[in-house]
Amino acid sequence: MLMIDKITKILNSFSKKWACLLSNGTIVETTLPDQSLAKSRTLRILKRIIPETQVGSHIFYSDLVVYRPTSDFFIFVIGRYPRNMVKGKFAEISRMYKGIDKEYKKETRSYEVKLKLVMFSMNLDEGPTPIFYMPKSFDDAILYKVCMKSMLALSIEKEGATKSMVSFQPFVDIKSLGIVYTFQFEDEQARGGAYDSAITVLVDYKYRALIYESYEAIEIAFRELKKEIIAEYWSTKDYKRIFNTILRKYFKNVSFETVEPVDLKEEMMNEIKKLVGN
């Protein structure tokens, strides 16, 4: 049995709402819905308590308990439970702490979200079409599925992508989260004078809390990228050159460090209330 499976079994024995995260913001396992993770500031709480807690510490905040069995592994449990019972359960996990360190040591060294796919697509006369994507070796069947799903959100809009927006699309079968930025690409040759377009980035699903927390920074990056794509198209119509800079300039450094620290405990308590309220 894997280490996380053992931890999951212990946590499920007394709680239905919990999350295991690494210090860099990666979700190892959780029972919390994505909606809860997106609306709450789980990572903000985590970043706040990292310098204030020692290994083995238990932190009780009303309906939230945070436990740090190792330097890089944190457990959030939502709910009110007898402290002695909770500490006993955590003690079971502590006896496995060497295994936890060994299993996740390499992963906690990385503070970058590794990308699986970057794709620019347009809804042309023949339908949704991948215009450019990286890496080129990406599976064609999955590529077209991602393209279609990226454009799906636009189908319910009466006027297409007249408003630029960021949305998140889970791709459970490939364990990925799609970050989709839709916008309108003006072109007199297009029906209606514009093409609906999308920039899609796939990341590993375990990074979703980090992505949700970095929403504003990601949206700003997409807006700037959109400007460059349009400018590049009208100057050279060479998408390859502009997309070769995407990883380096816009997405390489999307990490836990993009989350602003919180110094006021009152604000942190407000975020905790949002978390336990979902």
Protein backbone atom coordinates (compact mmCIF):
# COMPACT_ATOMS: atom_id res chain seq x y z
CA MET A 1 0.00 0.00 0.00
CA LEU A 2 1.31 3.46 -0.94
CA MET A 3 2.13 5.93 1.82
CA ILE A 4 -0.65 8.32 0.83
CA ASP A 5 -3.15 5.43 0.79
CA LYS A 6 -2.26 4.66 4.40
CA ILE A 7 -2.64 8.31 5.38
CA THR A 8 -5.95 8.52 3.50
CA LYS A 9 -7.28 5.50 5.39
CA ILE A 10 -6.41 7.09 8.75
CA LEU A 11 -7.95 10.46 7.87
CA ASN A 12 -11.11 8.92 6.42
CA SER A 13 -11.60 6.98 9.66
CA PHE A 14 -12.69 10.16 11.43
CA SER A 15 -13.18 12.97 8.87
CA LYS A 16 -14.84 13.53 5.50
CA LYS A 17 -13.13 16.87 4.81
CA TRP A 18 -9.36 17.02 4.67
CA ALA A 19 -6.41 17.87 2.44
CA CYS A 20 -2.75 16.88 2.32
CA LEU A 21 -0.45 19.49 0.77
CA LEU A 22 3.27 19.94 0.30
CA SER A 23 4.99 23.13 1.37
CA ASN A 24 5.26 24.28 -2.25
CA GLY A 25 1.47 24.21 -2.65
CA THR A 26 1.12 20.86 -4.40
CA ILE A 27 -1.99 18.88 -3.48
CA VAL A 28 -1.07 15.31 -2.61
CA GLU A 29 -4.61 14.16 -1.84
CA THR A 30 -7.87 15.77 -0.72
CA THR A 31 -11.57 15.15 -0.23
CA LEU A 32 -12.38 18.86 -0.61
CA PRO A 33 -14.16 19.78 -3.87
CA ASP A 34 -12.38 22.03 -6.34
CA GLN A 35 -14.97 24.72 -5.74
CA SER A 36 -13.94 24.85 -2.10
CA LEU A 37 -10.26 25.00 -2.95
CA ALA A 38 -10.83 27.72 -5.53
CA LYS A 39 -12.91 29.97 -3.29
CA SER A 40 -10.86 29.52 -0.15
CA ARG A 41 -7.30 30.68 0.43
CA THR A 42 -5.90 27.35 1.53
CA LEU A 43 -2.43 28.18 0.26
CA ARG A 44 -2.49 31.57 1.92
CA ILE A 45 -3.12 29.84 5.24
CA LEU A 46 -0.36 27.34 4.48
CA LYS A 47 2.19 29.98 3.62
CA ARG A 48 1.34 31.89 6.76
CA ILE A 49 1.85 28.94 9.09
CA ILE A 50 5.01 27.49 7.51
CA PRO A 51 7.43 29.79 9.40
CA GLU A 52 5.36 29.59 12.59
CA THR A 53 5.08 25.84 13.11
CA GLN A 54 7.53 23.11 13.99
CA VAL A 55 7.49 19.52 12.78
CA GLY A 56 4.95 17.61 14.88
CA SER A 57 2.88 20.71 15.63
CA HIS A 58 -0.92 20.61 15.94
CA ILE A 59 -2.78 23.87 15.27
CA PHE A 60 -6.45 24.06 16.24
CA TYR A 61 -8.51 26.89 14.68
CA SER A 62 -12.14 26.43 15.68
CA ASP A 63 -13.34 24.07 12.88
CA LEU A 64 -9.91 23.56 11.33
CA VAL A 65 -6.93 21.47 12.47
CA VAL A 66 -3.54 21.73 10.77
CA TYR A 67 -0.85 19.15 11.40
CA ARG A 68 2.77 19.16 10.22
CA PRO A 69 4.22 15.62 10.41
CA THR A 70 7.33 16.61 8.39
CA SER A 71 8.98 19.82 7.25
CA ASP A 72 7.34 19.65 3.81
CA PHE A 73 4.05 17.81 4.45
CA PHE A 74 0.89 19.43 5.90
CA ILE A 75 -2.51 18.00 6.76
CA PHE A 76 -5.67 20.15 6.95
CA VAL A 77 -8.71 18.59 8.63
CA ILE A 78 -12.04 20.44 8.72
CA GLY A 79 -14.47 19.80 11.56
CA ARG A 80 -14.71 19.69 15.34
CA TYR A 81 -13.26 16.52 16.89
CA PRO A 82 -11.97 15.57 20.36
CA ARG A 83 -8.38 16.77 20.52
CA ASN A 84 -7.03 13.58 22.05
CA MET A 85 -8.63 11.50 19.30
CA VAL A 86 -7.22 13.75 16.56
CA LYS A 87 -3.75 13.72 18.12
CA GLY A 88 -3.92 9.94 18.31
CA LYS A 89 -4.72 9.69 14.61
CA PHE A 90 -1.91 12.09 13.76
CA ALA A 91 0.44 10.04 15.94
CA GLU A 92 -0.27 7.06 13.67
CA ILE A 93 0.77 9.18 10.70
CA SER A 94 3.87 10.44 12.53
CA ARG A 95 5.15 6.92 12.87
CA MET A 96 5.37 6.88 9.08
CA TYR A 97 7.12 10.27 8.78
CA LYS A 98 10.38 8.87 7.40
CA GLY A 99 8.44 7.28 4.58
CA ILE A 100 6.62 10.55 3.86
CA ASP A 101 9.91 12.43 3.60
CA LYS A 102 11.38 9.84 1.28
CA GLU A 103 8.33 9.71 -0.99
CA TYR A 104 7.92 13.48 -1.45
CA LYS A 105 11.43 14.86 -0.88
CA LYS A 106 12.25 15.24 -4.58
CA GLU A 107 8.92 16.87 -5.39
CA THR A 108 9.17 19.58 -2.72
CA ARG A 109 12.38 20.85 -4.28
CA SER A 110 10.48 22.13 -7.29
CA TYR A 111 8.69 25.46 -7.05
CA GLU A 112 7.53 25.54 -10.65
CA VAL A 113 4.35 24.23 -12.18
CA LYS A 114 5.42 21.97 -15.03
CA LEU A 115 3.27 22.31 -18.12
CA LYS A 116 1.97 19.38 -20.13
CA LEU A 117 0.61 21.31 -23.11
CA VAL A 118 0.32 24.85 -24.45
CA MET A 119 -2.14 25.27 -27.32
CA PHE A 120 -3.62 28.11 -29.35
CA SER A 121 -6.84 27.23 -31.15
CA MET A 122 -9.43 29.05 -33.25
CA ASN A 123 -13.00 28.32 -34.23
CA LEU A 124 -12.59 28.45 -38.01
CA ASP A 125 -15.23 27.84 -40.67
CA GLU A 126 -14.50 24.10 -40.49
CA GLY A 127 -14.84 24.12 -36.69
CA PRO A 128 -12.50 24.26 -33.67
CA THR A 129 -8.93 23.89 -34.93
CA PRO A 130 -5.58 23.62 -33.10
CA ILE A 131 -3.41 26.30 -34.75
CA PHE A 132 -0.25 25.75 -32.74
CA TYR A 133 0.70 23.57 -29.80
CA MET A 134 3.70 22.46 -27.78
CA PRO A 135 5.06 19.85 -27.48
CA LYS A 136 4.60 18.64 -31.04
CA SER A 137 4.65 15.03 -29.84
CA PHE A 138 1.38 15.44 -27.94
CA ASP A 139 -1.20 12.73 -28.68
CA ASP A 140 -3.49 13.86 -31.53
CA ALA A 141 -6.67 12.34 -30.11
CA ILE A 142 -6.20 14.08 -26.76
CA LEU A 143 -5.16 17.27 -28.52
CA TYR A 144 -8.45 17.55 -30.39
CA LYS A 145 -10.40 16.66 -27.27
CA VAL A 146 -8.68 19.52 -25.42
CA CYS A 147 -9.37 21.85 -28.34
CA MET A 148 -13.08 20.98 -28.45
CA LYS A 149 -13.52 21.29 -24.70
CA SER A 150 -11.70 24.62 -24.66
CA MET A 151 -14.16 25.99 -27.19
CA LEU A 152 -17.19 24.43 -25.50
CA ALA A 153 -17.58 27.30 -23.04
CA LEU A 154 -18.03 29.70 -25.96
CA SER A 155 -20.93 27.74 -27.43
CA ILE A 156 -23.30 29.00 -24.72
CA GLU A 157 -22.33 32.63 -25.34
CA LYS A 158 -24.64 34.37 -27.82
CA GLU A 159 -21.86 36.63 -29.11
CA GLY A 160 -18.93 34.24 -28.80
CA ALA A 161 -15.78 35.37 -27.03
CA THR A 162 -16.54 39.09 -27.06
CA LYS A 163 -15.32 39.21 -23.48
CA SER A 164 -11.90 37.75 -22.70
CA MET A 165 -12.02 35.37 -19.75
CA VAL A 166 -10.12 32.67 -17.88
CA SER A 167 -11.81 29.38 -17.00
CA PHE A 168 -10.70 26.02 -15.62
CA GLN A 169 -11.52 22.72 -17.31
CA PRO A 170 -10.64 19.41 -15.63
CA PHE A 171 -9.43 16.55 -17.84
CA VAL A 172 -9.79 13.68 -15.40
CA ASP A 173 -8.77 10.92 -17.81
CA ILE A 174 -5.31 12.46 -18.30
CA LYS A 175 -5.04 13.77 -14.71
CA SER A 176 -4.81 17.36 -15.89
CA LEU A 177 -6.32 20.77 -15.27
CA GLY A 178 -6.89 23.00 -18.28
CA ILE A 179 -6.40 26.74 -17.86
CA VAL A 180 -8.37 28.22 -20.75
CA TYR A 181 -8.25 31.84 -21.88
CA THR A 182 -10.89 32.65 -24.50
CA PHE A 183 -11.00 35.82 -26.58
CA GLN A 184 -12.02 37.12 -29.98
CA PHE A 185 -9.53 37.38 -32.80
CA GLU A 186 -10.66 40.02 -35.31
CA ASP A 187 -10.23 39.10 -38.95
CA GLU A 188 -12.23 40.47 -41.88
CA GLN A 189 -12.15 37.06 -43.54
CA ALA A 190 -14.02 35.48 -40.64
CA ARG A 191 -17.77 35.11 -40.54
CA GLY A 192 -18.95 38.03 -38.45
CA GLY A 193 -15.53 39.68 -38.67
CA ALA A 194 -13.85 37.70 -35.87
CA TYR A 195 -12.76 34.22 -34.83
CA ASP A 196 -13.40 32.83 -31.37
CA SER A 197 -9.99 31.82 -30.04
CA ALA A 198 -8.52 30.10 -27.00
CA ILE A 199 -5.16 29.69 -25.32
CA THR A 200 -5.13 26.45 -23.34
CA VAL A 201 -2.49 25.33 -20.86
CA LEU A 202 -2.58 21.85 -19.32
CA VAL A 203 -0.92 21.24 -15.95
CA ASP A 204 -0.90 18.25 -13.64
CA TYR A 205 -4.14 18.11 -11.65
CA LYS A 206 -2.21 18.06 -8.35
CA TYR A 207 -1.24 21.70 -8.92
CA ARG A 208 -4.84 22.92 -9.02
CA ALA A 209 -4.84 24.68 -5.62
CA LEU A 210 -1.79 26.63 -6.68
CA ILE A 211 -3.39 27.58 -9.99
CA TYR A 212 -6.63 28.69 -8.33
CA GLU A 213 -4.65 30.80 -5.87
CA SER A 214 -2.64 32.43 -8.68
CA TYR A 215 -5.72 33.29 -10.76
CA GLU A 216 -5.05 37.04 -11.00
CA ALA A 217 -1.41 36.62 -12.02
CA ILE A 218 -2.40 34.06 -14.66
CA GLU A 219 -5.13 36.30 -16.07
CA ILE A 220 -2.67 39.20 -16.42
CA ALA A 221 -0.18 36.91 -18.20
CA PHE A 222 -2.87 35.73 -20.61
CA ARG A 223 -3.94 39.28 -21.44
CA GLU A 224 -0.36 40.22 -22.30
CA LEU A 225 0.10 37.04 -24.29
CA LYS A 226 -3.07 37.77 -26.27
CA LYS A 227 -1.67 41.16 -27.29
CA GLU A 228 1.56 39.58 -28.51
CA ILE A 229 -0.23 36.85 -30.45
CA ILE A 230 -2.40 39.37 -32.27
CA ALA A 231 0.55 41.69 -32.96
CA GLU A 232 2.64 38.79 -34.22
CA TYR A 233 -0.13 37.57 -36.47
CA TRP A 234 -0.59 40.91 -38.16
CA SER A 235 3.13 41.52 -38.59
CA THR A 236 4.37 38.11 -39.79
CA LYS A 237 1.56 35.58 -39.36
CA ASP A 238 4.23 33.38 -37.76
CA TYR A 239 2.77 31.73 -34.66
CA LYS A 240 5.79 29.53 -34.09
CA ARG A 241 8.09 32.33 -33.00
CA ILE A 242 5.64 33.83 -30.52
CA PHE A 243 4.73 30.48 -28.98
CA ASN A 244 8.36 29.48 -28.53
CA THR A 245 8.56 32.23 -25.90
CA ILE A 246 5.47 31.18 -23.92
CA LEU A 247 7.06 28.76 -21.49
CA ARG A 248 9.99 30.99 -20.72
CA LYS A 249 8.22 34.35 -20.48
CA TYR A 250 4.76 33.63 -19.13
CA PHE A 251 4.34 30.29 -17.44
CA LYS A 252 7.69 28.97 -16.23
CA ASN A 253 7.63 30.87 -12.95
CA VAL A 254 4.01 30.33 -11.94
CA SER A 255 4.72 28.98 -8.47
CA PHE A 256 3.75 29.09 -4.84
CA GLU A 257 5.90 32.21 -4.50
CA THR A 258 3.38 34.16 -6.61
CA VAL A 259 0.98 34.06 -3.66
CA GLU A 260 1.19 37.22 -1.60
CA PRO A 261 1.99 36.64 2.10
CA VAL A 262 -0.58 37.58 4.71
CA ASP A 263 0.66 39.32 7.83
CA LEU A 264 -2.62 40.04 9.61
CA LYS A 265 -3.94 37.17 11.69
CA GLU A 266 -7.45 38.60 11.45
CA GLU A 267 -7.35 38.27 7.66
CA MET A 268 -5.98 34.76 7.97
CA MET A 269 -8.85 33.82 10.28
CA ASN A 270 -11.31 35.18 7.72
CA GLU A 271 -9.76 32.91 5.09
CA ILE A 272 -10.02 29.95 7.44
CA LYS A 273 -13.71 30.68 7.90
CA LYS A 274 -14.15 30.61 4.12
CA LEU A 275 -12.37 27.27 3.96
CA VAL A 276 -14.34 25.53 6.70
CA GLY A 277 -17.59 27.02 5.44
CA ASN A 278 -17.46 24.97 2.23
